[in-house]
Amino acid sequence: MKNQSLLVAALLVSFSFVVPASAQMLLRAETAASQAQIGRDAEGYSTCGIRTTAFVALDKGNAEIYDFSLNVYRDHFFGMLKAGKTFATAKQVLNQDLSAKAVTPRPIRFWISAANDDKPLISTKVTDSETKGYMIAGGDFVLTFQNIYAVMYGEQMQFVTRYAKEKLDVVISFKAPLPKDEQDALVSCLDGIRKRLEDSIKDEVISQ
């Protein structure tokens, strides 16, 4: 399992990578992985996106596992963002125990961008997800597209999953490219969604 391998890697780095709880800093996820999210229905591709899990090692062998998804939909001109994190004790990391529960209450804000891009994709209209401890939100449609491409091709990325109790943003830096076969599948999906939306706009213009 990909997540199990990442947990083992988190354990290996946890003893040397200590995160001060009250500091404001750019942290580097020592391990991160992404997977394509592709939905289909009778009309073809319905949703395309990417899910990323990033492990940040803490002191005493503990770890925080950040989890977020970026998606676009065939029938909507906005992105959909989902984010949360879990806290794993040293024992859970050592035993590759995936039962750690999400940190609650859920995050209040999320943003992501390529490290060299000054315009991040920022969450809007944040609300509770159906998954306990996670937020779900809207996002700029074009920026959601751009960041899906950036993540899947392995650009250096930065994101913040902000919680109400946190006084400062903790920026996580990571790279998590998709394998070539998943890249190809996701590009096909995104191209399909884009074409359907373009055709929809053309049809609307013609009908006016």
N, C-alpha and C. Protein backbone atom coordinates (compact mmCIF):
# COMPACT_ATOMS: atom_id res chain seq x y z
N MET A 1 0.84 -1.20 0.00
CA MET A 1 0.00 0.00 0.00
C MET A 1 0.88 1.26 0.00
N LYS A 2 0.52 2.24 -0.84
CA LYS A 2 1.30 3.46 -0.93
C LYS A 2 1.36 4.20 0.39
N ASN A 3 0.20 4.29 1.08
CA ASN A 3 0.17 5.01 2.35
C ASN A 3 1.04 4.33 3.40
N GLN A 4 1.08 2.99 3.37
CA GLN A 4 1.90 2.27 4.34
C GLN A 4 3.38 2.56 4.12
N SER A 5 3.80 2.60 2.87
CA SER A 5 5.19 2.90 2.57
C SER A 5 5.56 4.29 3.04
N LEU A 6 4.62 5.23 2.87
CA LEU A 6 4.88 6.60 3.31
C LEU A 6 4.99 6.68 4.82
N LEU A 7 4.20 5.88 5.53
CA LEU A 7 4.28 5.88 6.98
C LEU A 7 5.64 5.39 7.44
N VAL A 8 6.15 4.38 6.78
CA VAL A 8 7.48 3.87 7.14
C VAL A 8 8.53 4.95 6.88
N ALA A 9 8.41 5.64 5.74
CA ALA A 9 9.37 6.70 5.43
C ALA A 9 9.28 7.83 6.44
N ALA A 10 8.05 8.12 6.89
CA ALA A 10 7.88 9.17 7.90
C ALA A 10 8.59 8.81 9.18
N LEU A 11 8.55 7.52 9.53
CA LEU A 11 9.23 7.07 10.74
C LEU A 11 10.74 7.28 10.62
N LEU A 12 11.29 7.01 9.45
CA LEU A 12 12.73 7.09 9.26
C LEU A 12 13.25 8.51 9.43
N VAL A 13 12.41 9.50 9.06
CA VAL A 13 12.89 10.88 9.15
C VAL A 13 12.44 11.57 10.43
N SER A 14 11.55 10.94 11.19
CA SER A 14 10.93 11.62 12.31
C SER A 14 11.90 11.97 13.42
N PHE A 15 12.99 11.22 13.54
CA PHE A 15 13.90 11.46 14.64
C PHE A 15 14.83 12.64 14.40
N SER A 16 14.93 13.10 13.15
CA SER A 16 15.84 14.20 12.86
C SER A 16 15.13 15.46 12.40
N PHE A 17 13.82 15.40 12.17
CA PHE A 17 13.09 16.54 11.63
C PHE A 17 12.07 16.99 12.65
N VAL A 18 12.43 17.97 13.47
CA VAL A 18 11.60 18.40 14.58
C VAL A 18 10.93 19.72 14.24
N VAL A 19 9.62 19.80 14.47
CA VAL A 19 8.85 20.97 14.13
C VAL A 19 8.44 21.72 15.39
N PRO A 20 8.99 22.88 15.67
CA PRO A 20 8.54 23.65 16.82
C PRO A 20 7.08 24.05 16.66
N ALA A 21 6.28 23.79 17.69
CA ALA A 21 4.83 23.97 17.58
C ALA A 21 4.43 25.42 17.38
N SER A 22 5.21 26.37 17.92
CA SER A 22 4.80 27.75 17.89
C SER A 22 5.50 28.57 16.81
N ALA A 23 6.32 27.95 15.97
CA ALA A 23 7.12 28.69 14.99
C ALA A 23 6.36 28.90 13.70
N GLN A 24 6.68 29.99 13.00
CA GLN A 24 6.19 30.21 11.65
C GLN A 24 7.33 29.88 10.70
N MET A 25 7.12 28.91 9.84
CA MET A 25 8.21 28.49 8.98
C MET A 25 7.69 27.72 7.77
N LEU A 26 8.56 27.57 6.81
CA LEU A 26 8.29 26.72 5.65
C LEU A 26 8.81 25.34 5.97
N LEU A 27 7.92 24.36 6.03
CA LEU A 27 8.29 22.99 6.32
C LEU A 27 8.32 22.16 5.05
N ARG A 28 9.21 21.21 4.98
CA ARG A 28 9.30 20.33 3.82
C ARG A 28 8.75 18.95 4.18
N ALA A 29 7.76 18.51 3.42
CA ALA A 29 7.25 17.15 3.61
C ALA A 29 8.30 16.18 3.10
N GLU A 30 8.79 15.33 3.98
CA GLU A 30 9.83 14.39 3.58
C GLU A 30 9.30 13.32 2.64
N THR A 31 8.02 13.02 2.76
CA THR A 31 7.39 12.05 1.86
C THR A 31 6.03 12.58 1.43
N ALA A 32 5.69 12.38 0.18
CA ALA A 32 4.40 12.81 -0.35
C ALA A 32 4.06 11.95 -1.56
N ALA A 33 2.79 11.73 -1.79
CA ALA A 33 2.36 10.93 -2.94
C ALA A 33 1.01 11.43 -3.42
N SER A 34 0.79 11.32 -4.72
CA SER A 34 -0.47 11.75 -5.33
C SER A 34 -1.11 10.61 -6.08
N GLN A 35 -2.42 10.71 -6.26
CA GLN A 35 -3.13 9.75 -7.10
C GLN A 35 -4.20 10.50 -7.89
N ALA A 36 -4.42 10.05 -9.12
CA ALA A 36 -5.43 10.67 -9.97
C ALA A 36 -6.82 10.33 -9.48
N GLN A 37 -7.74 11.28 -9.62
CA GLN A 37 -9.15 11.06 -9.31
C GLN A 37 -9.95 11.33 -10.59
N ILE A 38 -10.57 10.29 -11.12
CA ILE A 38 -11.28 10.39 -12.40
C ILE A 38 -12.67 9.78 -12.25
N GLY A 39 -13.68 10.56 -12.60
CA GLY A 39 -15.06 10.09 -12.54
C GLY A 39 -15.68 10.07 -13.93
N ARG A 40 -16.50 9.06 -14.18
CA ARG A 40 -17.19 8.94 -15.46
C ARG A 40 -18.67 8.64 -15.23
N ASP A 41 -19.49 9.05 -16.19
CA ASP A 41 -20.88 8.65 -16.21
C ASP A 41 -21.26 8.33 -17.65
N ALA A 42 -22.54 8.22 -17.92
CA ALA A 42 -22.98 7.83 -19.25
C ALA A 42 -22.56 8.82 -20.34
N GLU A 43 -22.30 10.07 -19.94
CA GLU A 43 -21.93 11.09 -20.92
C GLU A 43 -20.43 11.23 -21.08
N GLY A 44 -19.65 10.47 -20.31
CA GLY A 44 -18.19 10.56 -20.40
C GLY A 44 -17.58 11.01 -19.09
N TYR A 45 -16.46 11.74 -19.17
CA TYR A 45 -15.80 12.21 -17.96
C TYR A 45 -16.71 13.19 -17.21
N SER A 46 -16.84 13.00 -15.92
CA SER A 46 -17.68 13.89 -15.11
C SER A 46 -16.88 14.72 -14.11
N THR A 47 -15.76 14.19 -13.65
CA THR A 47 -14.91 14.91 -12.71
C THR A 47 -13.46 14.44 -12.87
N CYS A 48 -12.54 15.38 -12.72
CA CYS A 48 -11.11 15.07 -12.81
C CYS A 48 -10.39 15.80 -11.68
N GLY A 49 -9.38 15.14 -11.13
CA GLY A 49 -8.64 15.82 -10.08
C GLY A 49 -7.47 15.00 -9.57
N ILE A 50 -6.92 15.47 -8.47
CA ILE A 50 -5.76 14.82 -7.89
C ILE A 50 -5.87 14.87 -6.37
N ARG A 51 -5.44 13.79 -5.74
CA ARG A 51 -5.40 13.73 -4.28
C ARG A 51 -3.94 13.54 -3.85
N THR A 52 -3.54 14.32 -2.88
CA THR A 52 -2.15 14.26 -2.40
C THR A 52 -2.13 14.05 -0.89
N THR A 53 -1.24 13.19 -0.46
CA THR A 53 -0.99 12.95 0.96
C THR A 53 0.46 13.30 1.25
N ALA A 54 0.67 14.17 2.22
CA ALA A 54 2.02 14.62 2.56
C ALA A 54 2.29 14.37 4.04
N PHE A 55 3.42 13.74 4.33
CA PHE A 55 3.79 13.39 5.69
C PHE A 55 4.84 14.37 6.23
N VAL A 56 4.55 14.93 7.37
CA VAL A 56 5.49 15.83 8.05
C VAL A 56 5.85 15.20 9.38
N ALA A 57 7.11 14.89 9.55
CA ALA A 57 7.58 14.24 10.77
C ALA A 57 7.70 15.25 11.91
N LEU A 58 7.26 14.84 13.10
CA LEU A 58 7.33 15.67 14.29
C LEU A 58 8.34 15.06 15.27
N ASP A 59 8.46 15.68 16.43
CA ASP A 59 9.36 15.14 17.44
C ASP A 59 8.77 13.88 18.07
N LYS A 60 9.60 13.13 18.73
CA LYS A 60 9.22 11.91 19.45
C LYS A 60 8.63 10.84 18.53
N GLY A 61 8.93 10.92 17.24
CA GLY A 61 8.48 9.89 16.31
C GLY A 61 7.06 10.05 15.81
N ASN A 62 6.37 11.12 16.22
CA ASN A 62 5.01 11.36 15.76
C ASN A 62 5.03 11.96 14.35
N ALA A 63 3.86 12.04 13.74
CA ALA A 63 3.78 12.61 12.39
C ALA A 63 2.41 13.21 12.16
N GLU A 64 2.38 14.23 11.30
CA GLU A 64 1.12 14.76 10.78
C GLU A 64 1.00 14.36 9.32
N ILE A 65 -0.18 13.87 8.96
CA ILE A 65 -0.42 13.43 7.59
C ILE A 65 -1.45 14.36 6.98
N TYR A 66 -0.99 15.24 6.09
CA TYR A 66 -1.88 16.19 5.41
C TYR A 66 -2.48 15.50 4.19
N ASP A 67 -3.75 15.80 3.95
CA ASP A 67 -4.49 15.12 2.88
C ASP A 67 -5.37 16.15 2.19
N PHE A 68 -5.21 16.33 0.88
CA PHE A 68 -6.07 17.28 0.18
C PHE A 68 -6.37 16.80 -1.24
N SER A 69 -7.47 17.29 -1.78
CA SER A 69 -7.87 16.96 -3.15
C SER A 69 -8.26 18.23 -3.89
N LEU A 70 -7.92 18.27 -5.18
CA LEU A 70 -8.31 19.36 -6.07
C LEU A 70 -9.08 18.72 -7.22
N ASN A 71 -10.30 19.21 -7.49
CA ASN A 71 -11.12 18.61 -8.54
C ASN A 71 -11.84 19.66 -9.36
N VAL A 72 -12.06 19.34 -10.63
CA VAL A 72 -12.93 20.14 -11.49
C VAL A 72 -14.04 19.21 -12.01
N TYR A 73 -15.20 19.83 -12.32
CA TYR A 73 -16.37 19.07 -12.72
C TYR A 73 -16.87 19.53 -14.09
N ARG A 74 -17.43 18.61 -14.82
CA ARG A 74 -17.90 18.89 -16.17
C ARG A 74 -18.99 19.96 -16.18
N ASP A 75 -19.84 19.98 -15.19
CA ASP A 75 -21.02 20.84 -15.20
C ASP A 75 -20.87 22.10 -14.35
N HIS A 76 -19.65 22.40 -13.88
CA HIS A 76 -19.47 23.57 -13.01
C HIS A 76 -18.24 24.36 -13.44
N PHE A 77 -18.34 25.68 -13.33
CA PHE A 77 -17.21 26.54 -13.67
C PHE A 77 -16.47 26.99 -12.41
N PHE A 78 -16.24 26.06 -11.51
CA PHE A 78 -15.45 26.34 -10.33
C PHE A 78 -14.77 25.06 -9.89
N GLY A 79 -13.69 25.22 -9.14
CA GLY A 79 -12.99 24.06 -8.61
C GLY A 79 -13.59 23.63 -7.29
N MET A 80 -13.28 22.42 -6.87
CA MET A 80 -13.71 21.90 -5.57
C MET A 80 -12.47 21.43 -4.81
N LEU A 81 -12.31 21.93 -3.59
CA LEU A 81 -11.15 21.62 -2.76
C LEU A 81 -11.60 20.90 -1.50
N LYS A 82 -10.82 19.93 -1.09
CA LYS A 82 -11.09 19.19 0.15
C LYS A 82 -9.78 19.03 0.89
N ALA A 83 -9.78 19.28 2.20
CA ALA A 83 -8.52 19.22 2.94
C ALA A 83 -8.74 18.87 4.40
N GLY A 84 -7.74 18.22 4.96
CA GLY A 84 -7.74 17.89 6.38
C GLY A 84 -6.39 17.27 6.73
N LYS A 85 -6.24 16.79 7.94
CA LYS A 85 -5.02 16.10 8.32
C LYS A 85 -5.29 15.17 9.48
N THR A 86 -4.42 14.19 9.64
CA THR A 86 -4.49 13.29 10.79
C THR A 86 -3.18 13.39 11.56
N PHE A 87 -3.26 13.04 12.83
CA PHE A 87 -2.08 13.00 13.68
C PHE A 87 -1.80 11.55 14.01
N ALA A 88 -0.60 11.09 13.74
CA ALA A 88 -0.22 9.70 14.01
C ALA A 88 0.83 9.67 15.11
N THR A 89 0.60 8.88 16.13
CA THR A 89 1.59 8.71 17.18
C THR A 89 2.76 7.87 16.67
N ALA A 90 3.86 7.90 17.43
CA ALA A 90 5.02 7.11 17.05
C ALA A 90 4.67 5.63 16.93
N LYS A 91 3.82 5.15 17.82
CA LYS A 91 3.42 3.75 17.79
C LYS A 91 2.65 3.43 16.52
N GLN A 92 1.74 4.33 16.12
CA GLN A 92 0.96 4.12 14.90
C GLN A 92 1.87 4.14 13.68
N VAL A 93 2.85 5.05 13.66
CA VAL A 93 3.80 5.10 12.55
C VAL A 93 4.61 3.81 12.48
N LEU A 94 5.12 3.38 13.63
CA LEU A 94 5.95 2.18 13.68
C LEU A 94 5.19 0.95 13.23
N ASN A 95 3.90 0.86 13.61
CA ASN A 95 3.08 -0.31 13.28
C ASN A 95 2.34 -0.17 11.95
N GLN A 96 2.64 0.92 11.22
CA GLN A 96 1.94 1.19 9.96
C GLN A 96 0.43 1.14 10.16
N ASP A 97 0.00 1.71 11.27
CA ASP A 97 -1.42 1.74 11.66
C ASP A 97 -2.10 2.91 10.96
N LEU A 98 -3.04 2.61 10.09
CA LEU A 98 -3.73 3.65 9.32
C LEU A 98 -5.05 4.07 9.95
N SER A 99 -5.26 3.76 11.22
CA SER A 99 -6.53 4.05 11.88
C SER A 99 -6.57 5.41 12.55
N ALA A 100 -5.49 6.18 12.45
CA ALA A 100 -5.48 7.51 13.07
C ALA A 100 -6.63 8.34 12.55
N LYS A 101 -7.29 9.08 13.46
CA LYS A 101 -8.46 9.86 13.08
C LYS A 101 -8.05 11.29 12.71
N ALA A 102 -8.89 11.92 11.88
CA ALA A 102 -8.61 13.28 11.45
C ALA A 102 -8.66 14.25 12.62
N VAL A 103 -7.81 15.27 12.53
CA VAL A 103 -7.80 16.32 13.54
C VAL A 103 -9.09 17.12 13.43
N THR A 104 -9.72 17.39 14.57
CA THR A 104 -10.94 18.18 14.61
C THR A 104 -10.76 19.34 15.60
N PRO A 105 -11.53 20.43 15.43
CA PRO A 105 -12.44 20.71 14.32
C PRO A 105 -11.70 20.88 12.99
N ARG A 106 -12.46 20.85 11.92
CA ARG A 106 -11.90 20.88 10.57
C ARG A 106 -11.12 22.17 10.32
N PRO A 107 -10.32 22.19 9.25
CA PRO A 107 -9.60 23.42 8.87
C PRO A 107 -10.57 24.54 8.51
N ILE A 108 -10.08 25.76 8.56
CA ILE A 108 -10.90 26.92 8.20
C ILE A 108 -10.46 27.55 6.88
N ARG A 109 -9.30 27.12 6.38
CA ARG A 109 -8.76 27.75 5.17
C ARG A 109 -7.73 26.82 4.54
N PHE A 110 -7.64 26.91 3.20
CA PHE A 110 -6.65 26.13 2.46
C PHE A 110 -6.19 26.94 1.27
N TRP A 111 -4.89 26.91 0.99
CA TRP A 111 -4.40 27.45 -0.27
C TRP A 111 -3.24 26.62 -0.77
N ILE A 112 -3.00 26.70 -2.08
CA ILE A 112 -1.91 25.95 -2.70
C ILE A 112 -1.42 26.72 -3.92
N SER A 113 -0.12 26.61 -4.19
CA SER A 113 0.42 27.19 -5.41
C SER A 113 1.78 26.57 -5.69
N ALA A 114 2.24 26.74 -6.93
CA ALA A 114 3.62 26.38 -7.24
C ALA A 114 4.53 27.34 -6.48
N ALA A 115 5.71 26.87 -6.11
CA ALA A 115 6.61 27.68 -5.28
C ALA A 115 7.00 28.99 -5.96
N ASN A 116 7.04 29.00 -7.29
CA ASN A 116 7.45 30.21 -8.02
C ASN A 116 6.27 31.02 -8.53
N ASP A 117 5.07 30.73 -8.04
CA ASP A 117 3.86 31.43 -8.48
C ASP A 117 3.33 32.26 -7.33
N ASP A 118 3.10 33.55 -7.56
CA ASP A 118 2.66 34.43 -6.48
C ASP A 118 1.13 34.49 -6.34
N LYS A 119 0.39 33.75 -7.18
CA LYS A 119 -1.07 33.77 -7.11
C LYS A 119 -1.58 32.39 -6.73
N PRO A 120 -1.89 32.18 -5.46
CA PRO A 120 -2.33 30.85 -5.02
C PRO A 120 -3.80 30.58 -5.32
N LEU A 121 -4.13 29.31 -5.35
CA LEU A 121 -5.52 28.87 -5.37
C LEU A 121 -5.99 28.88 -3.92
N ILE A 122 -7.00 29.70 -3.61
CA ILE A 122 -7.45 29.89 -2.23
C ILE A 122 -8.88 29.38 -2.07
N SER A 123 -9.14 28.71 -0.98
CA SER A 123 -10.47 28.18 -0.71
C SER A 123 -11.48 29.30 -0.52
N THR A 124 -12.71 29.08 -1.02
CA THR A 124 -13.82 30.01 -0.83
C THR A 124 -15.05 29.21 -0.38
N LYS A 125 -15.90 29.88 0.36
CA LYS A 125 -17.15 29.26 0.83
C LYS A 125 -16.87 27.92 1.52
N VAL A 126 -16.01 27.97 2.52
CA VAL A 126 -15.60 26.76 3.24
C VAL A 126 -16.75 26.23 4.09
N THR A 127 -16.94 24.92 4.05
CA THR A 127 -17.96 24.28 4.86
C THR A 127 -17.49 22.90 5.29
N ASP A 128 -18.31 22.22 6.09
CA ASP A 128 -17.96 20.88 6.56
C ASP A 128 -18.05 19.88 5.41
N SER A 129 -17.07 19.00 5.33
CA SER A 129 -17.13 17.88 4.40
C SER A 129 -17.93 16.75 5.02
N GLU A 130 -18.33 15.80 4.18
CA GLU A 130 -18.99 14.59 4.71
C GLU A 130 -18.00 13.75 5.49
N THR A 131 -16.71 13.97 5.28
CA THR A 131 -15.66 13.28 6.02
C THR A 131 -15.31 14.08 7.26
N LYS A 132 -15.50 13.51 8.43
CA LYS A 132 -15.26 14.23 9.68
C LYS A 132 -13.83 14.75 9.74
N GLY A 133 -13.69 16.02 10.15
CA GLY A 133 -12.38 16.63 10.27
C GLY A 133 -11.86 17.26 8.99
N TYR A 134 -12.63 17.19 7.92
CA TYR A 134 -12.22 17.76 6.64
C TYR A 134 -13.10 18.94 6.27
N MET A 135 -12.52 19.89 5.57
CA MET A 135 -13.27 20.99 4.99
C MET A 135 -13.47 20.73 3.51
N ILE A 136 -14.53 21.31 2.97
CA ILE A 136 -14.75 21.30 1.53
C ILE A 136 -15.05 22.73 1.11
N ALA A 137 -14.56 23.13 -0.04
CA ALA A 137 -14.67 24.53 -0.44
C ALA A 137 -14.62 24.66 -1.95
N GLY A 138 -15.02 25.83 -2.42
CA GLY A 138 -14.88 26.16 -3.83
C GLY A 138 -13.51 26.76 -4.08
N GLY A 139 -13.19 26.95 -5.35
CA GLY A 139 -11.92 27.57 -5.74
C GLY A 139 -11.99 28.04 -7.18
N ASP A 140 -11.15 28.98 -7.52
CA ASP A 140 -11.11 29.50 -8.88
C ASP A 140 -10.90 28.36 -9.88
N PHE A 141 -11.71 28.35 -10.92
CA PHE A 141 -11.71 27.24 -11.88
C PHE A 141 -10.38 27.12 -12.61
N VAL A 142 -9.89 28.23 -13.15
CA VAL A 142 -8.64 28.20 -13.92
C VAL A 142 -7.46 27.82 -13.01
N LEU A 143 -7.41 28.40 -11.82
CA LEU A 143 -6.31 28.09 -10.90
C LEU A 143 -6.36 26.65 -10.41
N THR A 144 -7.56 26.10 -10.29
CA THR A 144 -7.66 24.68 -9.92
C THR A 144 -7.07 23.81 -11.02
N PHE A 145 -7.41 24.11 -12.28
CA PHE A 145 -6.80 23.40 -13.42
C PHE A 145 -5.28 23.50 -13.36
N GLN A 146 -4.78 24.71 -13.19
CA GLN A 146 -3.33 24.93 -13.21
C GLN A 146 -2.63 24.16 -12.11
N ASN A 147 -3.21 24.14 -10.92
CA ASN A 147 -2.55 23.47 -9.80
C ASN A 147 -2.63 21.95 -9.91
N ILE A 148 -3.68 21.43 -10.53
CA ILE A 148 -3.74 19.99 -10.78
C ILE A 148 -2.58 19.58 -11.69
N TYR A 149 -2.39 20.35 -12.77
CA TYR A 149 -1.28 20.08 -13.68
C TYR A 149 0.07 20.20 -12.96
N ALA A 150 0.22 21.25 -12.16
CA ALA A 150 1.49 21.50 -11.47
C ALA A 150 1.84 20.35 -10.53
N VAL A 151 0.86 19.88 -9.77
CA VAL A 151 1.12 18.78 -8.84
C VAL A 151 1.47 17.50 -9.60
N MET A 152 0.67 17.18 -10.63
CA MET A 152 0.87 15.89 -11.28
C MET A 152 2.17 15.80 -12.05
N TYR A 153 2.72 16.95 -12.49
CA TYR A 153 3.99 16.94 -13.21
C TYR A 153 5.19 17.16 -12.29
N GLY A 154 4.95 17.22 -10.98
CA GLY A 154 6.06 17.24 -10.04
C GLY A 154 6.71 18.57 -9.80
N GLU A 155 5.98 19.67 -10.00
CA GLU A 155 6.54 20.97 -9.65
C GLU A 155 6.70 21.08 -8.14
N GLN A 156 7.61 21.94 -7.71
CA GLN A 156 7.75 22.22 -6.29
C GLN A 156 6.53 23.04 -5.86
N MET A 157 5.77 22.50 -4.92
CA MET A 157 4.51 23.12 -4.51
C MET A 157 4.57 23.53 -3.05
N GLN A 158 3.66 24.45 -2.69
CA GLN A 158 3.48 24.85 -1.31
C GLN A 158 1.98 24.91 -1.01
N PHE A 159 1.61 24.51 0.21
CA PHE A 159 0.21 24.63 0.61
C PHE A 159 0.10 24.92 2.09
N VAL A 160 -1.06 25.44 2.47
CA VAL A 160 -1.39 25.69 3.87
C VAL A 160 -2.75 25.11 4.15
N THR A 161 -2.85 24.30 5.19
CA THR A 161 -4.13 23.86 5.72
C THR A 161 -4.25 24.51 7.10
N ARG A 162 -5.03 25.56 7.20
CA ARG A 162 -5.07 26.41 8.40
C ARG A 162 -6.21 25.99 9.33
N TYR A 163 -5.88 25.87 10.61
CA TYR A 163 -6.87 25.54 11.63
C TYR A 163 -7.11 26.76 12.52
N ALA A 164 -8.31 26.85 13.10
CA ALA A 164 -8.71 28.01 13.87
C ALA A 164 -7.77 28.27 15.05
N LYS A 165 -7.26 27.21 15.65
CA LYS A 165 -6.40 27.38 16.83
C LYS A 165 -4.98 27.82 16.49
N GLU A 166 -4.62 27.79 15.21
CA GLU A 166 -3.29 28.17 14.79
C GLU A 166 -3.20 29.68 14.60
N LYS A 167 -2.20 30.30 15.18
CA LYS A 167 -2.04 31.74 15.07
C LYS A 167 -1.31 32.14 13.80
N LEU A 168 -0.57 31.22 13.23
CA LEU A 168 0.23 31.51 12.05
C LEU A 168 0.04 30.41 11.00
N ASP A 169 0.25 30.78 9.74
CA ASP A 169 0.23 29.78 8.67
C ASP A 169 1.48 28.92 8.74
N VAL A 170 1.29 27.62 8.60
CA VAL A 170 2.41 26.69 8.46
C VAL A 170 2.42 26.23 7.00
N VAL A 171 3.42 26.64 6.25
CA VAL A 171 3.49 26.36 4.82
C VAL A 171 4.26 25.05 4.61
N ILE A 172 3.62 24.12 3.92
CA ILE A 172 4.23 22.82 3.64
C ILE A 172 4.71 22.79 2.19
N SER A 173 5.98 22.45 1.99
CA SER A 173 6.56 22.35 0.66
C SER A 173 6.68 20.88 0.27
N PHE A 174 6.35 20.56 -0.99
CA PHE A 174 6.39 19.15 -1.40
C PHE A 174 6.48 19.02 -2.92
N LYS A 175 6.87 17.83 -3.36
CA LYS A 175 6.75 17.39 -4.74
C LYS A 175 6.09 16.02 -4.72
N ALA A 176 5.08 15.81 -5.56
CA ALA A 176 4.39 14.52 -5.57
C ALA A 176 3.83 14.23 -6.96
N PRO A 177 4.71 14.02 -7.95
CA PRO A 177 4.24 13.76 -9.32
C PRO A 177 3.50 12.43 -9.43
N LEU A 178 2.61 12.36 -10.39
CA LEU A 178 1.94 11.10 -10.70
C LEU A 178 2.83 10.23 -11.56
N PRO A 179 2.66 8.90 -11.48
CA PRO A 179 3.32 8.02 -12.44
C PRO A 179 2.83 8.35 -13.86
N LYS A 180 3.65 8.01 -14.85
CA LYS A 180 3.34 8.39 -16.24
C LYS A 180 1.96 7.90 -16.69
N ASP A 181 1.58 6.68 -16.32
CA ASP A 181 0.29 6.18 -16.78
C ASP A 181 -0.87 6.97 -16.17
N GLU A 182 -0.71 7.39 -14.90
CA GLU A 182 -1.76 8.19 -14.27
C GLU A 182 -1.78 9.61 -14.84
N GLN A 183 -0.60 10.14 -15.18
CA GLN A 183 -0.55 11.45 -15.84
C GLN A 183 -1.35 11.42 -17.14
N ASP A 184 -1.09 10.40 -17.95
CA ASP A 184 -1.77 10.30 -19.24
C ASP A 184 -3.28 10.20 -19.07
N ALA A 185 -3.71 9.40 -18.10
CA ALA A 185 -5.14 9.24 -17.87
C ALA A 185 -5.78 10.53 -17.40
N LEU A 186 -5.09 11.25 -16.51
CA LEU A 186 -5.66 12.49 -15.98
C LEU A 186 -5.66 13.60 -17.03
N VAL A 187 -4.63 13.66 -17.85
CA VAL A 187 -4.61 14.65 -18.94
C VAL A 187 -5.77 14.40 -19.89
N SER A 188 -6.03 13.14 -20.23
CA SER A 188 -7.16 12.80 -21.09
C SER A 188 -8.47 13.26 -20.46
N CYS A 189 -8.61 13.05 -19.17
CA CYS A 189 -9.82 13.46 -18.45
C CYS A 189 -9.96 14.99 -18.48
N LEU A 190 -8.90 15.70 -18.15
CA LEU A 190 -8.95 17.16 -18.12
C LEU A 190 -9.24 17.74 -19.51
N ASP A 191 -8.64 17.14 -20.54
CA ASP A 191 -8.92 17.59 -21.90
C ASP A 191 -10.39 17.37 -22.25
N GLY A 192 -10.94 16.24 -21.79
CA GLY A 192 -12.35 15.96 -22.04
C GLY A 192 -13.26 16.94 -21.34
N ILE A 193 -12.96 17.25 -20.09
CA ILE A 193 -13.76 18.23 -19.34
C ILE A 193 -13.67 19.60 -20.01
N ARG A 194 -12.47 20.00 -20.39
CA ARG A 194 -12.28 21.31 -21.02
C ARG A 194 -13.07 21.41 -22.32
N LYS A 195 -13.02 20.37 -23.13
CA LYS A 195 -13.73 20.39 -24.42
C LYS A 195 -15.24 20.47 -24.20
N ARG A 196 -15.75 19.73 -23.23
CA ARG A 196 -17.19 19.76 -22.96
C ARG A 196 -17.63 21.15 -22.50
N LEU A 197 -16.82 21.79 -21.68
CA LEU A 197 -17.16 23.13 -21.21
C LEU A 197 -17.08 24.14 -22.35
N GLU A 198 -16.07 24.01 -23.21
CA GLU A 198 -15.96 24.91 -24.35
C GLU A 198 -17.15 24.75 -25.29
N ASP A 199 -17.56 23.49 -25.53
CA ASP A 199 -18.72 23.23 -26.40
C ASP A 199 -19.98 23.81 -25.78
N SER A 200 -20.08 23.71 -24.43
CA SER A 200 -21.25 24.24 -23.75
C SER A 200 -21.34 25.75 -23.90
N ILE A 201 -20.19 26.43 -23.82
CA ILE A 201 -20.17 27.89 -23.97
C ILE A 201 -20.55 28.27 -25.41
N LYS A 202 -20.01 27.54 -26.39
CA LYS A 202 -20.33 27.82 -27.79
C LYS A 202 -21.81 27.64 -28.05
N ASP A 203 -22.40 26.58 -27.53
CA ASP A 203 -23.83 26.33 -27.71
C ASP A 203 -24.67 27.44 -27.10
N GLU A 204 -24.22 27.93 -25.94
CA GLU A 204 -24.97 29.00 -25.27
C GLU A 204 -24.90 30.29 -26.08
N VAL A 205 -23.72 30.58 -26.63
CA VAL A 205 -23.56 31.80 -27.45
C VAL A 205 -24.42 31.71 -28.71
N ILE A 206 -24.40 30.55 -29.35
CA ILE A 206 -25.18 30.37 -30.58
C ILE A 206 -26.67 30.52 -30.32
N SER A 207 -27.12 30.04 -29.16
CA SER A 207 -28.56 30.07 -28.85
C SER A 207 -29.05 31.47 -28.49
N GLN A 208 -28.16 32.39 -28.22
CA GLN A 208 -28.58 33.74 -27.83
C GLN A 208 -28.93 34.58 -29.04
